[in-house]
Structures are given as C-alpha cells and as structure tokens.
Amino acid sequence: MLELQNITVLFHPNSPDEVRALDNLSLSIQPHTFVVVIGSNGSGKSTLLNTLAGSLTPVAGTLRLGGRDITRRPEHRRAALIGRVFQNPFSGTAPHLTVAENLALAVRRGASRGLRPALNARLKASFRERLRDLNLGLEDRLDAEIGTLSGGQRQAITLLMATWQHPELLLLDEHTAALDPRTADQITRLTERIIREERLTALMVTHSMQQAVTLGDRLLMMHRGRLVYDAAGPEKRRLRVEHLHDKFQALRRADLLDPSAATLLHQAYV
C-alpha cells in the first residue's frame, strides 16, 4: 500500500514567493490500483510524482510504501521500489548505449555493484522475448543504439525498463504527451496492458481528459496542492469528459471569488 500522511512540499520557503506545492496532502492507494491524476498547470501533479520518486523532500508529513517509511530515503535508494517513465521519450535511457545495454541497466537497477558481466546470451534471449511481446519489431534491434529509435519505440523500451523488476510503484509523468496521436494511442494501450498483466500499482499524470475517463481504476483531481476530487468504482466508470470540464470550470471560477464564496462553490461542484 502507498500511504501519504499530511505531506507538505514548499518551494521558496520563508520568502515572499513561498508556494505550497503540496498542502497537507493525505492519500492511500491499495496495491494493484491504476490511478490517473489530473489538474491544471501548477496544481501539484508533477510535485506529487517527484515527491514519491524522492527527487523532492517534504517539509512535513510521512510517506510509506509497502509498510516502509521512505519519507527521507534518497531517490537512488528508492530505485528498486519505484519505476518511472517521463514525458520526454529521450529521458530515462542512455542514448549512446544499445537497446540491450539499456535493458541490462534496468535488470541491475537497485542491485549491489559487482564484477559480473551485465550482458550474456541468456539475458539477450530474455530481452528478445520481452521485446517481441511489444509487437514493435524491436526484438531484432538489440544491438542498435537506443538514440536511433523513434520516440514511440524509445518510450516503449523505457516503459519496459521501468517495469522489468516489477516495481512496487510505477510513476507515469505525461508519458504520451510528446508523441503523435497514433503513437500515443499505441503506447497508452501498451501501458494499460503491462499494468494489468503485471498487476502493478501505478500513478499516471495526464492532461488528456479522454485518458482520464477511460483509463485506470481511480481518478484524482488536484488543485493548488490539494486533492479536490477522488472517484473510484462505479463513480469512476460513469465519468465523462464533460463532467471533468465542468469541475475544472468550477475551480477556475472559484479562484476568482473571495475565499468564503469560493468555498461554497467548490463544495457545490466537488
């Protein structure tokens, strides 16, 4: 289980420009749940993922994963527990290494260093089999530098690398946003398949309202560092794009009102 208790993250603390990127945020996510996270720019979505990954440290609160307190655990020590795919298809891989060499790095993620060879015939056979399952023709490109692949091919390999060790948590940071619509749809379907087949716990940040209503078991909407809407089960399945647009419009109107009126409007729509 993933548990956040009263997590607060500040930018520019103790200054006139102080921002509460996460504001006393509490959240529990059961294992094997696929959660989609939406929100306007500056709502705290990426801050949430960065805090979970360990690249940001909260000033208050507790973060637990699988019963372990990882609040102060540095990012590199979370690598064996958490996989991540970024928006940029060229992030998360070493462009001048081959496909096989990048996958070998994923196999060794979180392991102690040693003198064993990173690549051997058995590993290459395993890589070829897993790549064949992607149906992208990548099983014949093990020796190609990963920087020579298309954005979609590279994002597919990054997704495979992030999930190779069956992480306790998978973070997807708008990972289809930089792709053309056809490729984005292909990677989205691949993502959903891997999450279901591997029974992963995943958080996916997206700006796509269509993805928000069609993907995942649970939907979280963030605003000003807080959770303002949480839908799961039948409520999640009934959601439509227009419902989310209405909620976004209500939040925008609330931002223009005085605090008391904004609270009433927020409660009425959320």
Protein backbone atom coordinates (compact mmCIF):
# COMPACT_ATOMS: atom_id res chain seq x y z
CA MET A 1 0.00 0.00 0.00
CA LEU A 2 1.07 3.57 -0.71
CA GLU A 3 0.28 5.99 2.11
CA LEU A 4 0.83 9.75 2.26
CA GLN A 5 0.01 11.42 5.55
CA ASN A 6 -0.13 15.22 5.77
CA ILE A 7 2.57 15.73 3.13
CA THR A 8 3.63 19.36 2.61
CA VAL A 9 6.15 20.47 -0.01
CA LEU A 10 7.27 24.10 -0.17
CA PHE A 11 9.04 26.00 -2.92
CA HIS A 12 10.98 29.15 -1.90
CA PRO A 13 10.19 28.63 1.81
CA ASN A 14 10.24 31.58 4.20
CA SER A 15 10.21 34.09 1.37
CA PRO A 16 7.56 36.33 -0.23
CA ASP A 17 7.46 33.84 -3.12
CA GLU A 18 6.73 30.80 -0.94
CA VAL A 19 4.49 28.25 -2.70
CA ARG A 20 2.78 25.27 -1.10
CA ALA A 21 3.18 22.84 -3.97
CA LEU A 22 1.62 20.10 -1.83
CA ASP A 23 -0.56 21.31 1.01
CA ASN A 24 -1.07 18.84 3.88
CA LEU A 25 -1.87 16.08 1.38
CA SER A 26 -3.10 12.70 2.64
CA LEU A 27 -3.75 9.78 0.32
CA SER A 28 -3.92 5.97 0.48
CA ILE A 29 -3.67 3.71 -2.58
CA GLN A 30 -4.28 -0.01 -2.42
CA PRO A 31 -1.90 -2.40 -4.20
CA HIS A 32 -2.61 -3.22 -7.87
CA THR A 33 -4.56 0.01 -8.39
CA PHE A 34 -4.16 2.10 -11.56
CA VAL A 35 -4.65 5.76 -10.56
CA VAL A 36 -4.97 8.63 -13.05
CA VAL A 37 -4.06 12.12 -11.79
CA ILE A 38 -5.28 15.31 -13.47
CA GLY A 39 -5.16 19.01 -12.67
CA SER A 40 -4.29 22.35 -14.20
CA ASN A 41 -0.71 23.62 -14.50
CA GLY A 42 0.70 24.27 -11.03
CA SER A 43 -1.86 22.03 -9.30
CA GLY A 44 0.83 19.79 -7.79
CA LYS A 45 0.72 16.76 -10.11
CA SER A 46 4.39 16.66 -11.01
CA THR A 47 5.34 17.65 -7.46
CA LEU A 48 3.43 14.63 -6.22
CA LEU A 49 5.34 12.31 -8.55
CA ASN A 50 8.68 13.95 -7.73
CA THR A 51 7.99 13.55 -4.02
CA LEU A 52 7.11 9.89 -4.45
CA ALA A 53 10.25 9.31 -6.54
CA GLY A 54 12.44 11.03 -3.95
CA SER A 55 13.65 13.98 -6.03
CA LEU A 56 11.74 16.31 -3.68
CA THR A 57 11.66 16.01 0.11
CA PRO A 58 8.58 17.16 2.06
CA VAL A 59 8.95 19.63 4.92
CA ALA A 60 6.22 17.78 6.82
CA GLY A 61 4.34 14.52 6.69
CA THR A 62 5.08 10.84 6.23
CA LEU A 63 5.37 8.71 3.10
CA ARG A 64 5.08 4.93 3.31
CA LEU A 65 5.34 2.30 0.60
CA GLY A 66 4.67 -1.34 1.40
CA GLY A 67 4.78 -0.51 5.10
CA ARG A 68 8.23 1.11 4.87
CA ASP A 69 8.78 4.73 5.84
CA ILE A 70 10.58 6.18 2.80
CA THR A 71 9.99 9.86 3.60
CA ARG A 72 13.71 10.65 3.88
CA ARG A 73 15.01 7.84 1.69
CA PRO A 74 17.00 9.37 -1.21
CA GLU A 75 15.96 8.84 -4.81
CA HIS A 76 18.68 6.32 -5.67
CA ARG A 77 17.66 4.14 -2.74
CA ARG A 78 14.07 4.02 -4.00
CA ALA A 79 15.16 2.77 -7.44
CA ALA A 80 14.47 -0.87 -6.62
CA LEU A 81 10.95 0.01 -5.43
CA ILE A 82 9.80 2.65 -7.91
CA GLY A 83 9.82 2.73 -11.71
CA ARG A 84 9.25 5.93 -13.67
CA VAL A 85 8.56 6.97 -17.26
CA PHE A 86 8.91 10.65 -18.17
CA GLN A 87 7.19 12.82 -20.76
CA ASN A 88 10.32 13.13 -22.89
CA PRO A 89 10.95 9.86 -24.79
CA PHE A 90 14.68 10.61 -24.52
CA SER A 91 14.66 10.64 -20.71
CA GLY A 92 15.29 7.54 -18.66
CA THR A 93 17.66 5.91 -21.14
CA ALA A 94 21.28 6.25 -22.22
CA PRO A 95 21.07 7.26 -25.92
CA HIS A 96 24.54 6.07 -26.92
CA LEU A 97 24.11 2.62 -25.43
CA THR A 98 22.37 -0.15 -27.32
CA VAL A 99 18.88 -1.39 -26.60
CA ALA A 100 20.36 -4.49 -24.92
CA GLU A 101 22.75 -2.40 -22.81
CA ASN A 102 19.91 -0.15 -21.63
CA LEU A 103 17.81 -3.16 -20.70
CA ALA A 104 20.78 -4.61 -18.83
CA LEU A 105 20.88 -1.43 -16.74
CA ALA A 106 17.22 -1.96 -15.89
CA VAL A 107 17.93 -5.53 -14.80
CA ARG A 108 20.64 -4.26 -12.44
CA ARG A 109 18.60 -1.36 -11.04
CA GLY A 110 18.81 -1.29 -7.28
CA ALA A 111 21.29 -4.19 -7.16
CA SER A 112 24.68 -4.04 -5.47
CA ARG A 113 27.64 -3.35 -7.72
CA GLY A 114 29.87 -6.19 -8.74
CA LEU A 115 32.15 -7.54 -11.45
CA ARG A 116 29.65 -9.87 -13.11
CA PRO A 117 29.13 -9.20 -16.83
CA ALA A 118 25.99 -7.14 -17.41
CA LEU A 119 25.13 -8.94 -20.67
CA ASN A 120 25.18 -12.61 -21.58
CA ALA A 121 23.39 -14.90 -24.04
CA ARG A 122 20.66 -15.81 -21.53
CA LEU A 123 19.84 -12.17 -20.82
CA LYS A 124 19.80 -11.29 -24.51
CA ALA A 125 17.36 -14.12 -25.17
CA SER A 126 15.14 -12.81 -22.37
CA PHE A 127 15.31 -9.28 -23.81
CA ARG A 128 14.40 -10.55 -27.27
CA GLU A 129 11.37 -12.40 -25.90
CA ARG A 130 10.08 -9.43 -23.93
CA LEU A 131 10.60 -7.06 -26.86
CA ARG A 132 8.74 -9.41 -29.19
CA ASP A 133 5.73 -9.12 -26.87
CA LEU A 134 5.63 -5.37 -27.59
CA ASN A 135 4.80 -6.05 -31.25
CA LEU A 136 7.01 -3.19 -32.44
CA GLY A 137 9.69 -5.20 -34.23
CA LEU A 138 12.26 -4.28 -31.59
CA GLU A 139 13.39 -7.84 -30.93
CA ASP A 140 15.71 -7.53 -33.93
CA ARG A 141 17.24 -4.25 -32.78
CA LEU A 142 19.03 -5.28 -29.61
CA ASP A 143 22.35 -4.01 -30.93
CA ALA A 144 21.01 -0.67 -32.20
CA GLU A 145 21.83 2.48 -30.23
CA ILE A 146 18.65 3.48 -28.49
CA GLY A 147 19.09 7.08 -29.67
CA THR A 148 18.43 5.92 -33.25
CA LEU A 149 14.91 4.72 -32.46
CA SER A 150 11.70 6.65 -32.91
CA GLY A 151 10.10 8.41 -29.95
CA GLY A 152 7.39 5.76 -29.65
CA GLN A 153 9.86 2.86 -29.83
CA ARG A 154 12.04 4.50 -27.23
CA GLN A 155 9.11 5.21 -24.93
CA ALA A 156 8.03 1.57 -25.22
CA ILE A 157 11.51 0.43 -24.19
CA THR A 158 11.57 2.95 -21.32
CA LEU A 159 8.26 1.53 -20.13
CA LEU A 160 9.69 -1.98 -20.32
CA MET A 161 12.79 -0.86 -18.39
CA ALA A 162 10.70 0.83 -15.69
CA THR A 163 8.62 -2.32 -15.13
CA TRP A 164 11.27 -5.01 -15.65
CA GLN A 165 11.86 -5.54 -11.91
CA HIS A 166 8.14 -5.43 -11.11
CA PRO A 167 8.33 -2.24 -9.02
CA GLU A 168 6.04 -1.68 -6.08
CA LEU A 169 5.05 1.63 -7.66
CA LEU A 170 5.08 2.82 -11.28
CA LEU A 171 5.05 6.57 -11.98
CA LEU A 172 3.96 7.80 -15.43
CA ASP A 173 4.58 11.51 -15.93
CA GLU A 174 2.54 12.52 -19.00
CA HIS A 175 4.48 9.82 -20.83
CA THR A 176 2.45 10.06 -24.06
CA ALA A 177 2.22 13.86 -24.28
CA ALA A 178 5.22 14.31 -26.61
CA LEU A 179 4.09 11.64 -29.08
CA ASP A 180 1.92 11.95 -32.18
CA PRO A 181 -1.72 10.82 -31.66
CA ARG A 182 -1.31 7.40 -33.31
CA THR A 183 1.86 6.57 -31.39
CA ALA A 184 0.40 7.97 -28.15
CA ASP A 185 -2.58 5.63 -28.52
CA GLN A 186 -0.24 2.70 -29.13
CA ILE A 187 1.85 3.47 -26.02
CA THR A 188 -1.31 4.04 -23.96
CA ARG A 189 -2.64 0.60 -24.88
CA LEU A 190 0.74 -0.95 -24.14
CA THR A 191 0.86 0.83 -20.77
CA GLU A 192 -2.58 -0.41 -19.79
CA ARG A 193 -1.69 -3.96 -20.83
CA ILE A 194 1.54 -4.06 -18.84
CA ILE A 195 -0.10 -2.62 -15.72
CA ARG A 196 -2.91 -5.20 -15.88
CA GLU A 197 -0.76 -8.20 -16.74
CA GLU A 198 1.92 -7.38 -14.15
CA ARG A 199 -0.68 -6.30 -11.56
CA LEU A 200 1.23 -3.10 -10.85
CA THR A 201 0.33 -0.17 -8.64
CA ALA A 202 0.55 2.87 -10.91
CA LEU A 203 0.04 6.64 -10.85
CA MET A 204 -0.32 8.29 -14.25
CA VAL A 205 -0.36 12.07 -14.65
CA THR A 206 -2.12 13.25 -17.79
CA HIS A 207 -3.64 16.37 -19.36
CA SER A 208 -5.88 14.23 -21.56
CA MET A 209 -9.46 14.23 -20.37
CA GLN A 210 -10.15 11.24 -22.60
CA GLN A 211 -7.41 9.23 -20.90
CA ALA A 212 -8.68 10.39 -17.52
CA VAL A 213 -12.16 8.96 -18.05
CA THR A 214 -11.21 5.78 -19.92
CA LEU A 215 -8.08 4.59 -18.08
CA GLY A 216 -7.50 3.37 -14.57
CA ASP A 217 -9.48 2.27 -11.54
CA ARG A 218 -9.40 5.62 -9.77
CA LEU A 219 -9.23 9.31 -10.72
CA LEU A 220 -7.68 12.07 -8.61
CA MET A 221 -8.06 15.76 -9.43
CA MET A 222 -5.57 18.17 -7.86
CA HIS A 223 -5.78 21.93 -7.37
CA ARG A 224 -3.36 24.19 -5.52
CA GLY A 225 -1.53 21.27 -3.97
CA ARG A 226 -4.64 19.55 -2.66
CA LEU A 227 -6.93 16.73 -3.74
CA VAL A 228 -10.28 18.21 -4.72
CA TYR A 229 -11.91 15.18 -6.33
CA ASP A 230 -11.47 11.43 -5.89
CA ALA A 231 -13.52 8.97 -7.95
CA ALA A 232 -13.31 5.18 -7.94
CA GLY A 233 -15.53 2.19 -8.69
CA PRO A 234 -18.92 2.92 -10.30
CA GLU A 235 -18.43 6.69 -9.98
CA LYS A 236 -15.19 6.47 -11.97
CA ARG A 237 -16.80 4.28 -14.64
CA ARG A 238 -19.67 6.75 -15.07
CA LEU A 239 -17.38 9.74 -15.63
CA ARG A 240 -17.47 11.56 -18.95
CA VAL A 241 -15.18 14.23 -20.36
CA GLU A 242 -17.85 16.92 -19.95
CA HIS A 243 -18.10 16.13 -16.22
CA LEU A 244 -14.39 16.86 -15.79
CA HIS A 245 -14.64 20.05 -17.83
CA ASP A 246 -17.45 21.23 -15.54
CA LYS A 247 -15.31 20.59 -12.47
CA PHE A 248 -12.34 22.46 -13.96
CA GLN A 249 -14.58 25.41 -14.82
CA ALA A 250 -15.95 25.48 -11.27
CA LEU A 251 -12.41 25.58 -9.86
CA ARG A 252 -11.43 28.41 -12.21
CA ARG A 253 -14.48 30.43 -11.17
CA ALA A 254 -13.75 29.74 -7.50
CA ASP A 255 -10.24 31.17 -7.93
CA LEU A 256 -11.78 34.48 -8.97
CA LEU A 257 -14.04 34.77 -5.93
CA ASP A 258 -13.42 35.80 -2.34
CA PRO A 259 -12.48 32.89 -0.04
CA SER A 260 -15.92 32.31 1.51
CA ALA A 261 -17.75 32.30 -1.83
CA ALA A 262 -15.06 30.13 -3.38
CA THR A 263 -15.52 27.55 -0.61
CA LEU A 264 -19.26 27.36 -1.23
CA LEU A 265 -18.82 26.98 -4.98
CA HIS A 266 -16.11 24.37 -4.53
CA GLN A 267 -18.34 22.30 -2.23
CA ALA A 268 -21.24 22.55 -4.65
CA TYR A 269 -19.30 21.17 -7.62
CA VAL A 270 -16.85 18.79 -5.97
